[in-house]
Protein backbone atom coordinates (compact mmCIF):
# COMPACT_ATOMS: atom_id res chain seq x y z
CA MET A 1 105.00 121.84 -4.60
CA LYS A 2 106.65 125.11 -5.53
CA PRO A 3 106.11 126.19 -9.18
CA ARG A 4 109.82 126.11 -10.00
CA VAL A 5 110.21 122.57 -8.63
CA ALA A 6 107.09 121.44 -10.52
CA ALA A 7 108.48 122.84 -13.78
CA VAL A 8 111.69 120.88 -13.27
CA PHE A 9 109.76 117.63 -12.78
CA VAL A 10 107.60 118.28 -15.90
CA ALA A 11 110.69 119.01 -18.02
CA ALA A 12 112.36 115.84 -16.76
CA ALA A 13 109.25 113.81 -17.64
CA LEU A 14 109.24 115.22 -21.19
CA VAL A 15 112.92 114.42 -21.69
CA SER A 16 112.30 110.88 -20.44
CA ALA A 17 109.34 110.43 -22.83
CA VAL A 18 111.37 111.60 -25.81
CA ALA A 19 114.33 109.45 -24.83
CA SER A 20 112.13 106.35 -24.52
CA ALA A 21 110.27 106.87 -27.84
CA GLN A 22 110.75 103.80 -30.00
CA PRO A 23 110.05 103.24 -33.70
CA ALA A 24 106.64 101.70 -34.25
CA SER A 25 105.88 102.05 -37.98
CA LEU A 26 107.26 103.26 -41.29
CA ALA A 27 105.81 104.36 -44.62
CA ALA A 28 106.99 105.22 -48.12
CA ARG A 29 107.59 108.88 -48.84
CA SER A 30 108.51 108.46 -52.53
CA ALA A 31 107.26 106.55 -55.54
CA THR A 32 107.40 102.82 -54.89
CA GLN A 33 107.98 101.86 -58.55
CA LEU A 34 111.16 103.12 -60.22
CA SER A 35 113.31 102.37 -63.26
CA GLY A 36 116.99 102.96 -63.91
CA SER A 37 119.70 101.89 -66.32
CA VAL A 38 121.90 98.89 -65.57
CA GLY A 39 125.25 99.83 -64.05
CA HIS A 40 124.12 103.35 -63.12
CA ALA A 41 122.62 105.18 -60.14
CA TYR A 42 118.88 105.72 -60.37
CA ASP A 43 117.87 109.34 -60.89
CA ARG A 44 115.35 109.16 -58.03
CA GLN A 45 115.75 108.06 -54.42
CA LEU A 46 113.88 105.56 -52.27
CA ARG A 47 112.54 107.40 -49.23
CA VAL A 48 110.75 106.21 -46.09
CA VAL A 49 109.62 107.93 -42.92
CA VAL A 50 109.71 106.34 -39.44
CA TYR A 51 107.10 107.06 -36.72
CA ASP A 52 106.83 106.31 -33.02
CA GLU A 53 103.68 104.84 -31.44
CA TRP A 54 102.09 108.31 -31.20
CA GLY A 55 102.67 109.07 -34.90
CA ALA A 56 105.59 111.43 -34.32
CA GLU A 57 108.45 111.33 -36.84
CA LEU A 58 111.59 109.85 -35.31
CA PRO A 59 115.15 111.02 -36.07
CA ASP A 60 118.36 108.93 -35.75
CA VAL A 61 116.74 105.60 -36.63
CA VAL A 62 118.67 103.10 -38.77
CA VAL A 63 116.71 101.88 -41.82
CA SER A 64 117.95 98.87 -43.79
CA PHE A 65 117.22 98.59 -47.55
CA THR A 66 117.57 95.02 -48.82
CA ALA A 67 117.71 93.84 -52.46
CA PRO A 68 118.04 90.33 -53.96
CA VAL A 69 121.46 88.68 -53.65
CA SER A 70 121.34 87.37 -57.22
CA GLY A 71 119.80 88.33 -60.56
CA ALA A 72 118.62 91.86 -61.16
CA SER A 73 119.46 93.89 -58.06
CA ALA A 74 120.99 97.08 -56.71
CA SER A 75 123.27 98.42 -54.01
CA PHE A 76 122.41 101.53 -52.01
CA SER A 77 124.09 104.73 -50.99
CA PRO A 78 124.28 105.41 -48.10
CA SER A 79 124.05 102.02 -46.46
CA PRO A 80 122.62 101.80 -43.90
CA ALA A 81 120.45 104.91 -43.97
CA VAL A 82 119.60 106.95 -40.88
CA THR A 83 116.49 109.11 -40.45
CA ASP A 84 116.98 112.87 -40.33
CA GLU A 85 115.19 115.43 -38.14
CA SER A 86 111.95 114.91 -40.10
CA GLY A 87 112.11 111.15 -39.59
CA GLU A 88 113.04 110.49 -43.22
CA ALA A 89 115.67 108.10 -44.51
CA SER A 90 116.64 108.07 -48.20
CA VAL A 91 118.96 106.03 -50.38
CA THR A 92 119.99 106.09 -54.03
CA PRO A 93 119.76 102.69 -55.76
CA ILE A 94 122.72 101.75 -57.96
CA ALA A 95 121.65 99.10 -60.47
CA ASN A 96 123.81 96.07 -61.06
CA GLY A 97 124.48 94.77 -64.57
CA THR A 98 121.42 92.52 -64.83
CA ILE A 99 118.19 93.59 -66.55
CA GLY A 100 114.97 92.76 -64.72
CA VAL A 101 112.31 93.64 -62.15
CA TYR A 102 112.91 93.00 -58.44
CA SER A 103 111.75 94.05 -54.97
CA VAL A 104 113.58 96.12 -52.38
CA THR A 105 112.51 95.99 -48.74
CA ALA A 106 112.98 98.81 -46.23
CA ALA A 107 112.94 97.68 -42.58
CA VAL A 108 113.65 98.94 -39.08
CA ALA A 109 114.82 96.68 -36.25
CA GLY A 110 112.00 95.86 -33.85
CA VAL A 111 109.25 96.94 -36.27
CA ALA A 112 107.23 94.16 -37.94
CA GLN A 113 105.98 96.45 -40.72
CA THR A 114 108.15 96.93 -43.84
CA VAL A 115 107.94 98.97 -47.03
CA THR A 116 108.38 97.30 -50.42
CA PHE A 117 109.65 99.06 -53.54
CA THR A 118 109.60 97.59 -57.06
CA LEU A 119 112.61 98.43 -59.22
CA PHE A 120 113.30 97.75 -62.89
CA ASN A 121 116.84 97.68 -64.22
CA VAL A 122 116.53 98.52 -67.91
CA ALA A 123 119.10 98.32 -70.68
CA GLU A 124 121.28 101.32 -71.43
CA GLY A 125 120.16 103.63 -74.20
CA PHE A 126 116.65 104.48 -73.00
CA ARG A 127 117.14 107.15 -70.32
CA PRO A 128 118.03 110.88 -70.47
CA GLY A 129 121.75 111.49 -70.75
CA GLU A 130 122.40 108.22 -72.56
CA GLN A 131 122.96 107.55 -76.24
CA LEU A 132 119.84 106.11 -77.89
CA ALA A 133 120.18 102.36 -78.31
CA SER A 134 120.32 100.88 -81.80
CA VAL A 135 117.09 98.89 -82.11
CA PHE A 136 115.55 97.47 -85.29
CA ALA A 137 111.84 97.09 -86.03
CA ALA A 138 109.44 96.72 -88.93
CA ASP A 139 107.21 99.60 -90.03
CA GLU A 140 103.66 99.47 -91.43
CA LYS A 141 105.02 98.40 -94.83
CA GLY A 142 107.23 95.68 -93.41
CA LYS A 143 110.42 97.67 -93.98
CA ILE A 144 113.09 97.17 -91.27
CA ARG A 145 114.21 100.41 -89.64
CA ASN A 146 116.66 101.41 -86.92
CA LEU A 147 115.50 103.88 -84.26
CA ARG A 148 118.66 105.90 -84.83
CA ASP A 149 117.83 106.31 -88.54
CA PHE A 150 115.22 108.91 -87.56
CA LEU A 151 118.00 111.29 -86.49
CA ASP A 152 118.72 111.76 -90.21
CA GLY A 153 122.45 111.38 -89.74
CA GLY A 154 122.63 114.04 -87.02
CA ARG A 155 120.32 116.58 -88.63
CA SER A 156 117.02 116.00 -86.81
CA TYR A 157 115.50 115.52 -83.39
CA ALA A 158 113.41 112.37 -82.89
CA LEU A 159 110.28 111.95 -80.77
CA ILE A 160 110.06 108.23 -80.04
CA GLU A 161 106.60 107.63 -78.60
CA VAL A 162 105.48 104.26 -77.23
CA CYS A 163 101.74 104.07 -77.78
CA SER A 164 98.73 101.77 -77.92
CA PHE A 165 95.13 102.00 -79.08
CA CYS A 166 94.20 104.50 -76.35
CA PRO A 167 92.58 107.98 -76.44
CA ALA A 168 95.60 109.65 -74.82
CA CYS A 169 97.90 108.26 -77.51
CA GLU A 170 95.49 109.44 -80.22
CA ASP A 171 95.42 112.94 -78.76
CA SER A 172 99.19 113.06 -78.48
CA GLU A 173 99.89 111.89 -82.02
CA ARG A 174 97.27 114.17 -83.54
CA ALA A 175 98.87 117.13 -81.77
CA ALA A 176 102.48 116.17 -82.53
CA PRO A 177 102.44 117.10 -86.28
CA ILE A 178 101.16 120.58 -85.39
CA GLY A 179 104.00 121.18 -82.95
CA ILE A 180 106.50 119.68 -85.39
CA ALA A 181 105.29 122.03 -88.15
CA ARG A 182 105.81 125.05 -85.88
CA LEU A 183 109.32 123.85 -85.14
CA ALA A 184 109.98 123.38 -88.85
CA ASP A 185 109.19 127.08 -89.30
CA ARG A 186 112.12 127.72 -86.96
CA LYS A 187 114.38 125.44 -89.03
CA ILE A 188 114.26 122.78 -86.29
CA PRO A 189 113.50 119.40 -87.93
CA VAL A 190 111.80 116.78 -85.76
CA ASN A 191 110.70 113.25 -86.70
CA LEU A 192 107.79 111.57 -84.91
CA VAL A 193 108.45 107.84 -84.39
CA PRO A 194 105.40 105.98 -83.01
CA ILE A 195 106.05 102.50 -81.61
CA LEU A 196 102.67 100.77 -81.51
CA MET A 197 103.46 98.47 -78.59
CA PHE A 198 99.92 97.08 -78.31
CA GLY A 199 97.34 96.84 -81.06
CA PHE A 200 94.14 94.98 -80.37
CA PRO A 201 94.08 92.81 -78.38
CA ALA A 202 97.75 91.73 -78.41
CA PRO A 203 101.19 93.18 -79.30
CA GLY A 204 101.00 95.43 -82.35
CA THR A 205 101.11 93.92 -85.81
CA GLN A 206 101.72 95.29 -89.29
CA THR A 207 97.94 95.48 -89.81
CA ASP A 208 97.56 97.43 -86.56
CA ALA A 209 100.31 99.84 -87.66
CA GLN A 210 98.64 100.36 -91.05
CA PHE A 211 95.34 101.18 -89.33
CA TRP A 212 97.04 103.52 -86.83
CA LYS A 213 98.80 105.47 -89.56
CA SER A 214 95.65 105.77 -91.70
CA HIS A 215 93.36 106.55 -88.75
CA LEU A 216 95.56 109.41 -87.50
CA GLU A 217 96.68 110.49 -91.01
CA LEU A 218 100.33 110.25 -89.96
CA LYS A 219 102.94 111.06 -92.60
CA GLY A 220 105.86 109.05 -91.25
CA PRO A 221 106.29 105.35 -90.51
CA VAL A 222 104.74 103.50 -87.57
CA LEU A 223 106.88 100.82 -85.93
CA HIS A 224 105.46 97.68 -84.32
CA PRO A 225 106.65 94.45 -82.61
CA SER A 226 105.19 92.15 -85.32
CA GLY A 227 102.84 90.61 -82.75
CA SER A 228 105.72 89.30 -80.61
CA MET A 229 106.36 90.08 -76.96
CA THR A 230 109.89 88.73 -77.38
CA SER A 231 110.86 91.06 -80.25
CA ASP A 232 113.63 93.60 -79.74
CA ILE A 233 111.30 96.57 -80.27
CA PHE A 234 108.73 95.24 -77.75
CA ARG A 235 111.48 94.87 -75.18
CA ALA A 236 112.79 98.36 -76.05
CA ALA A 237 109.27 99.75 -75.54
CA GLU A 238 109.23 98.13 -72.09
CA PHE A 239 112.54 99.81 -71.28
CA ILE A 240 111.27 103.20 -72.49
CA ILE A 241 108.13 102.97 -70.35
CA GLY A 242 109.79 101.36 -67.34
CA LEU A 243 107.67 101.46 -64.18
CA PRO A 244 104.83 101.94 -63.67
CA ALA A 245 104.18 99.66 -66.63
CA LEU A 246 101.69 100.36 -69.42
CA ASP A 247 101.87 104.12 -68.93
CA PHE A 248 100.84 105.25 -72.43
CA PRO A 249 102.10 107.28 -74.10
CA THR A 250 105.69 107.51 -72.92
CA THR A 251 108.04 109.52 -75.14
CA LEU A 252 111.78 109.98 -75.56
CA LEU A 253 113.12 113.21 -77.05
CA VAL A 254 116.43 112.47 -78.76
CA ALA A 255 118.87 115.16 -79.92
CA PRO A 256 120.46 114.97 -83.39
CA ASP A 257 123.69 113.57 -81.93
CA GLY A 258 121.76 110.64 -80.45
CA THR A 259 121.66 111.86 -76.84
CA ILE A 260 118.34 111.31 -75.08
CA VAL A 261 117.56 114.74 -73.65
CA ASP A 262 114.07 114.22 -72.20
CA ARG A 263 111.57 111.53 -71.26
CA PHE A 264 107.96 112.29 -70.49
CA ARG A 265 104.67 110.54 -69.91
CA ALA A 266 101.08 111.31 -70.91
CA ALA A 267 99.69 113.08 -73.96
CA MET A 268 101.33 116.30 -75.09
CA THR A 269 99.65 119.31 -76.67
CA ALA A 270 101.28 120.88 -79.70
CA SER A 271 102.45 123.84 -77.62
CA ALA A 272 103.87 121.64 -74.85
CA LEU A 273 105.73 119.52 -77.37
CA GLU A 274 107.12 122.62 -79.07
CA ALA A 275 108.26 123.99 -75.72
CA ARG A 276 110.07 120.76 -74.77
CA VAL A 277 112.00 120.69 -78.03
CA LEU A 278 112.85 124.39 -77.78
CA ARG A 279 114.07 123.85 -74.24
CA ALA A 280 116.46 121.23 -75.56
CA VAL A 281 117.66 123.55 -78.35
CA LEU A 282 118.16 126.39 -75.88
CA ALA A 283 120.22 124.11 -73.64
CA GLU A 284 122.61 123.63 -76.56
CA HIS A 285 122.52 127.23 -77.77
CA PRO A 286 121.68 129.48 -74.79
CA VAL A 287 119.94 132.78 -75.48
CA HIS A 288 121.19 135.66 -73.34
CA GLU A 289 119.17 138.59 -72.14
CA ALA A 290 120.16 142.15 -72.91
CA THR A 291 121.78 143.94 -70.00
CA ALA A 292 121.68 147.34 -71.68
CA ALA A 293 120.21 149.29 -74.59
CA ASP A 294 121.07 152.30 -76.69
CA VAL A 295 118.18 154.72 -76.19
CA VAL A 296 116.99 157.94 -77.80
CA VAL A 297 114.15 159.93 -76.23
CA THR A 298 113.07 163.06 -78.12
CA MET A 299 110.76 165.72 -76.66
CA ASP A 300 110.16 169.16 -78.17
CA ARG A 301 113.08 168.66 -80.60
CA THR A 302 115.50 167.98 -77.73
CA SER A 303 116.98 164.50 -77.37
CA LEU A 304 118.38 162.38 -74.59
CA ARG A 305 120.81 159.88 -76.12
CA GLY A 306 123.07 157.21 -74.71
CA THR A 307 123.26 153.73 -73.27
CA ALA A 308 120.91 152.70 -70.49
CA ALA A 309 122.96 150.12 -68.63
CA PRO A 310 120.52 149.84 -67.01
CA THR A 311 120.00 153.60 -66.33
CA LEU A 312 120.69 156.64 -68.46
CA THR A 313 120.32 160.15 -67.04
CA GLY A 314 120.40 163.56 -68.66
CA PRO A 315 118.72 166.96 -68.76
CA LEU A 316 115.42 165.50 -70.02
CA GLY A 317 115.18 162.96 -67.20
CA SER A 318 116.24 159.30 -66.77
CA VAL A 319 115.68 156.03 -68.60
CA ARG A 320 115.76 152.59 -67.00
CA PHE A 321 116.02 149.45 -69.17
CA GLU A 322 115.46 145.78 -68.35
CA ALA A 323 115.02 142.56 -70.31
CA HIS A 324 113.78 139.17 -69.13
CA PHE A 325 112.18 135.97 -70.36
CA THR A 326 108.48 135.61 -69.63
CA GLN A 327 108.06 132.30 -71.49
CA LEU A 328 110.43 129.78 -72.97
CA ILE A 329 110.60 131.50 -76.35
CA THR A 330 109.38 135.00 -75.49
CA GLU A 331 111.38 137.89 -74.12
CA ASP A 332 110.10 141.18 -72.74
CA ILE A 333 112.02 144.42 -72.76
CA GLU A 334 110.93 147.08 -70.30
CA LEU A 335 111.68 150.77 -70.55
CA ARG A 336 110.77 153.42 -68.01
CA PHE A 337 111.31 157.10 -68.77
CA ASP A 338 111.02 159.61 -65.94
CA ALA A 339 110.96 163.11 -67.39
CA ALA A 340 112.37 166.12 -65.60
CA HIS A 341 109.11 168.00 -66.27
CA PRO A 342 105.59 167.24 -67.60
CA LEU A 343 105.55 165.45 -70.95
CA PRO A 344 104.78 167.30 -74.20
CA ASP A 345 102.01 166.05 -76.51
CA VAL A 346 104.34 163.66 -78.37
CA VAL A 347 107.37 161.69 -77.18
CA HIS A 348 109.59 159.86 -79.68
CA VAL A 349 111.47 156.80 -78.38
CA GLU A 350 114.09 154.57 -80.02
CA VAL A 351 115.36 151.46 -78.23
CA SER A 352 118.27 149.30 -79.44
CA PRO A 353 118.77 146.38 -77.00
CA LEU A 354 122.38 145.23 -76.82
CA TRP A 355 121.98 141.45 -77.10
CA SER A 356 125.18 139.55 -76.38
CA ASP A 357 124.42 136.36 -78.33
CA GLY A 358 123.54 137.51 -81.84
CA VAL A 359 120.12 135.81 -81.68
CA GLN A 360 117.42 137.81 -83.42
CA ARG A 361 114.28 139.03 -81.69
CA TYR A 362 111.13 139.93 -83.59
CA GLN A 363 108.23 141.98 -82.31
CA ARG A 364 105.28 139.66 -81.75
CA ALA A 365 102.74 141.88 -79.99
CA PRO A 366 101.65 145.55 -79.99
CA LEU A 367 103.02 147.82 -77.32
CA TYR A 368 100.83 149.32 -74.61
CA VAL A 369 102.26 152.39 -72.92
CA ASN A 370 101.47 153.24 -69.32
CA TYR A 371 101.98 156.64 -67.70
CA LEU A 372 103.41 158.10 -64.53
CA SER A 373 102.25 161.30 -62.85
CA GLU A 374 102.15 162.98 -59.44
CA PHE A 375 99.41 163.58 -56.92
CA GLU A 376 100.22 166.49 -54.61
CA GLY A 377 103.94 165.65 -54.74
CA THR A 378 103.53 161.86 -54.47
CA PRO A 379 104.53 159.69 -57.50
CA LEU A 380 101.48 158.13 -59.14
CA ASP A 381 101.61 154.99 -61.31
CA LEU A 382 98.80 155.06 -63.89
CA ARG A 383 99.41 151.63 -65.41
CA GLY A 384 96.14 150.33 -66.81
CA TRP A 385 94.52 153.77 -66.97
CA SER A 386 95.27 154.37 -70.62
CA ASP A 387 95.90 151.23 -72.64
CA ALA A 388 96.37 153.06 -75.91
CA GLU A 389 98.06 150.84 -78.45
CA VAL A 390 101.27 152.27 -79.82
CA LEU A 391 102.54 151.20 -83.22
CA VAL A 392 106.14 150.03 -83.15
CA SER A 393 108.32 149.99 -86.23
CA ARG A 394 111.64 148.24 -86.55
CA ARG A 395 114.78 149.55 -88.16
CA ASN A 396 117.35 146.76 -88.11
CA GLY A 397 117.91 146.17 -84.39
CA THR A 398 116.11 149.35 -83.27
CA PHE A 399 112.49 149.59 -82.15
CA VAL A 400 110.91 152.98 -82.88
CA LEU A 401 107.67 154.38 -81.46
CA ASP A 402 105.91 157.72 -81.14
CA VAL A 403 103.82 158.10 -78.00
CA ASP A 404 100.66 160.24 -78.27
CA VAL A 405 100.59 161.81 -74.80
CA LYS A 406 97.75 164.15 -75.78
CA GLN A 407 95.46 161.20 -76.45
CA ALA A 408 96.52 159.62 -73.15
CA ARG A 409 95.57 162.78 -71.24
CA VAL A 410 92.07 162.60 -72.69
CA ALA A 411 91.70 158.94 -71.72
CA ILE A 412 93.03 159.45 -68.17
CA ALA A 413 90.81 162.50 -67.65
CA ALA A 414 87.81 160.35 -68.57
CA GLN A 415 88.85 157.78 -65.98
CA LEU A 416 89.08 160.45 -63.28
CA VAL A 417 85.54 161.80 -63.82
CA GLN A 418 84.05 159.09 -61.61
CA TYR A 419 86.42 159.96 -58.74
CA VAL A 420 85.55 163.63 -59.01
CA ASN A 421 81.81 162.86 -59.07
CA GLU A 422 82.12 160.64 -55.99
CA GLY A 423 84.08 163.30 -54.11
CA TYR A 424 87.41 161.45 -53.87
CA LEU A 425 89.15 164.16 -55.92
CA THR A 426 88.49 167.76 -56.66
CA GLN A 427 88.39 168.81 -60.28
CA ALA A 428 91.59 170.82 -59.69
CA GLN A 429 93.36 167.71 -58.37
CA ALA A 430 92.20 165.63 -61.35
CA ASP A 431 93.35 168.32 -63.75
CA ALA A 432 96.77 168.39 -62.06
CA VAL A 433 97.18 164.59 -62.40
CA VAL A 434 96.44 164.83 -66.13
CA ARG A 435 98.61 167.90 -66.66
CA ASP A 436 101.59 166.54 -64.73
CA LEU A 437 102.13 163.30 -66.65
CA ASN A 438 105.88 163.01 -66.29
CA GLY A 439 106.82 159.46 -67.15
CA LEU A 440 106.32 156.49 -69.47
CA TYR A 441 106.48 152.79 -68.71
CA PHE A 442 106.11 150.12 -71.38
CA GLU A 443 106.85 146.52 -72.22
CA LEU A 444 107.57 145.15 -75.66
CA GLU A 445 107.10 141.41 -76.17
CA LEU A 446 109.62 139.85 -78.55
CA ASP A 447 109.78 136.48 -80.24
CA VAL A 448 113.19 134.81 -79.83
CA ASP A 449 114.31 133.28 -83.12
CA VAL A 450 115.67 129.97 -81.84
CA ARG A 451 117.08 127.54 -84.40
CA LEU A 452 118.83 124.21 -84.36
CA ARG A 453 122.16 124.72 -86.06
CA GLY A 454 124.17 127.42 -84.35
CA ASN A 455 122.53 130.60 -83.21
CA ALA A 456 119.73 132.18 -85.20
CA ARG A 457 120.59 133.82 -88.45
């Protein structure tokens, strides 16, 4: 058989094999336990993947998702679902108006195997984006309290944490007061609201709550279900946790206006808790980066002045300015100065970032200046060669520093000795690198003064 004819037959066989491939199995490609609020679309999809008998993912296969016809249930969008090029079919459940747990089955015609998902329609008021439900419960003293009371009439955030007698809950609630104290320093009040869902060995009681508060030295009240699994607060705790059940701790972060802005599982460190609350504050009061800065560079009594937006050029050289967030509450400003000739022994720099939001930034770390030079006409970046700390002063919104280039030359020369000794550089080349320092590059880390009410003052 001629090669060309053989190739045609092989191609035809492959097309036939693909065309005859039939679905043989399916598997879940998402969590199989989900919770969502009644009357709303779930925030996560149900996803399955369909395979043929050789384990290849099959596109264009119809997958049916079936829920109960009565009681707690859901509809699905789209319906039916069809697998994409990767063999995956996905639907969004839309909960009906009935609270409860139920099963959803994903099936493909001709395939005996199915995939089962467990869904929990919870009451409104316990998921991000919703207004916190009004739920009453007793505290460790027997006083009846409403969850919404901990918003202090719209002045405080609330961390509502469903907990039990478990090590993770202990860790979380020991760390929470530390994070809350840091936030208080920023004028961001936060109330911790433990709900002791389970004491030992049954639903939490007033005695359990008293022990929990004393054991962890908590300042605020501890809520409990008074030993009843049918109490409103026990049911609310179930809604907060959702599925998978008994995932302690599970916490709601509620904004002062009552909007649930976050929901998270597992123990939180003080820093992680602080970051989550600050993220919520920043969402309400965004902090903008500087796009420019007023800059003064003085060398040998001659100054380059103007706005670097982001570049400023003049007879002394050029300045490039940038600003960016490196952490949630930290901002770095970067300044690079390329001189028109080798640097003198001292360079004076003033930087006034032009922030557009009025939020204050405070220096939180010393500045380390790095240097630029040339090696036989090629630009040379000496970052890390001379980590001399430079003291930065602040005059209103201006950061002022004096760079000791003479000291840097000594440090860089010491670094180059090894290269000269090993024959990588001649002494003349090393001397030229030190002599021809012609640029500065530095970063200044700033603390962003984020506060709750309006922008920082």
